[in-house]
Amino acid sequence: MPDTVPIRDYVAEFLHTHCDLDFDEITPEATLDDLDVDSLTVLSIIVLVEKEYGLELPERQVAAARTFGDLMVLLGVRTAAPS
C-alpha cells in the first residue's frame, strides 16, 4: 500500500517507471527539465500523491517547482540533512 512507502520513494519509482529514469539521476538538484519531466508528468505525480497520501497542494506552488528537490519540499519531504 503506497501510504507505507515514503513519498520520495513513491515519486522516484513513478519517475523510474514512467520516464525511464535511473534512480541515481533522481537527485534533489536535478532539474525537472534535465529529467525530461514535463508539466503533465508533474501534474500526474501530484494527483497520485494527493490521492494516495491525502495531501492537497495549491497549483501555483506546484507550477513553481523547478527541481526534484523543489517538488519534494512541496510534498513535505526533507531533501537535505539537518545542519
Protein backbone atom coordinates (compact mmCIF):
# COMPACT_ATOMS: atom_id res chain seq x y z
CA MET A 1 0.00 0.00 0.00
CA PRO A 2 1.51 3.37 -1.03
CA ASP A 3 0.86 5.15 2.26
CA THR A 4 3.52 2.92 3.87
CA VAL A 5 6.08 3.90 1.22
CA PRO A 6 7.91 7.21 1.79
CA ILE A 7 6.68 9.85 -0.66
CA ARG A 8 10.19 10.37 -2.09
CA ASP A 9 10.46 6.66 -2.93
CA TYR A 10 6.94 6.61 -4.36
CA VAL A 11 7.72 9.55 -6.68
CA ALA A 12 11.16 8.19 -7.61
CA GLU A 13 9.58 4.84 -8.53
CA PHE A 14 6.99 6.67 -10.66
CA LEU A 15 9.75 8.58 -12.49
CA HIS A 16 11.81 5.42 -12.92
CA THR A 17 8.86 3.50 -14.35
CA HIS A 18 7.09 6.17 -16.42
CA CYS A 19 10.01 8.36 -17.50
CA ASP A 20 12.64 5.62 -17.84
CA LEU A 21 15.00 7.36 -15.41
CA ASP A 22 17.73 5.65 -13.42
CA PHE A 23 17.37 6.14 -9.68
CA ASP A 24 20.82 7.78 -9.50
CA GLU A 25 19.58 10.52 -11.87
CA ILE A 26 16.77 11.46 -9.48
CA THR A 27 18.58 13.78 -7.07
CA PRO A 28 17.35 16.88 -5.23
CA GLU A 29 19.49 19.08 -7.52
CA ALA A 30 18.22 17.55 -10.78
CA THR A 31 16.03 19.99 -12.63
CA LEU A 32 12.74 18.72 -13.95
CA ASP A 33 13.86 19.91 -17.40
CA ASP A 34 17.07 17.87 -17.19
CA LEU A 35 14.99 14.84 -16.20
CA ASP A 36 12.62 15.49 -19.13
CA VAL A 37 9.74 15.72 -16.68
CA ASP A 38 7.09 17.89 -18.28
CA SER A 39 4.22 19.70 -16.59
CA LEU A 40 1.77 16.90 -17.41
CA THR A 41 4.02 14.38 -15.65
CA VAL A 42 4.33 16.69 -12.62
CA LEU A 43 0.55 17.02 -12.56
CA SER A 44 0.20 13.23 -12.69
CA ILE A 45 2.62 12.87 -9.78
CA ILE A 46 0.76 15.48 -7.74
CA VAL A 47 -2.64 13.89 -8.39
CA LEU A 48 -1.34 10.44 -7.44
CA VAL A 49 0.38 11.69 -4.29
CA GLU A 50 -2.68 13.72 -3.26
CA LYS A 51 -4.88 10.67 -3.71
CA GLU A 52 -2.55 8.12 -2.08
CA TYR A 53 -1.31 10.27 0.82
CA GLY A 54 -4.29 12.55 1.42
CA LEU A 55 -2.42 15.77 0.64
CA GLU A 56 -3.79 18.87 -1.06
CA LEU A 57 -1.35 21.08 -2.93
CA PRO A 58 -2.00 24.54 -4.41
CA GLU A 59 -1.49 24.56 -8.19
CA ARG A 60 0.52 27.78 -8.02
CA GLN A 61 3.13 26.16 -5.78
CA VAL A 62 3.28 23.09 -8.00
CA ALA A 63 3.98 25.27 -11.03
CA ALA A 64 6.91 26.89 -9.19
CA ALA A 65 8.80 23.60 -8.71
CA ARG A 66 11.95 23.60 -10.84
CA THR A 67 13.94 20.71 -9.35
CA PHE A 68 13.17 17.30 -7.92
CA GLY A 69 14.13 18.79 -4.55
CA ASP A 70 11.60 21.62 -5.01
CA LEU A 71 8.94 19.02 -5.71
CA MET A 72 9.90 17.05 -2.60
CA VAL A 73 9.82 20.18 -0.41
CA LEU A 74 6.39 20.95 -1.80
CA LEU A 75 5.31 17.44 -0.83
CA GLY A 76 6.71 17.93 2.67
CA VAL A 77 9.75 15.69 2.21
CA ARG A 78 13.10 16.78 3.65
CA THR A 79 15.77 16.66 0.98
CA ALA A 80 18.81 17.73 2.97
CA ALA A 81 20.31 16.62 6.23
CA PRO A 82 19.73 18.95 9.16
CA SER A 83 22.54 21.47 9.70
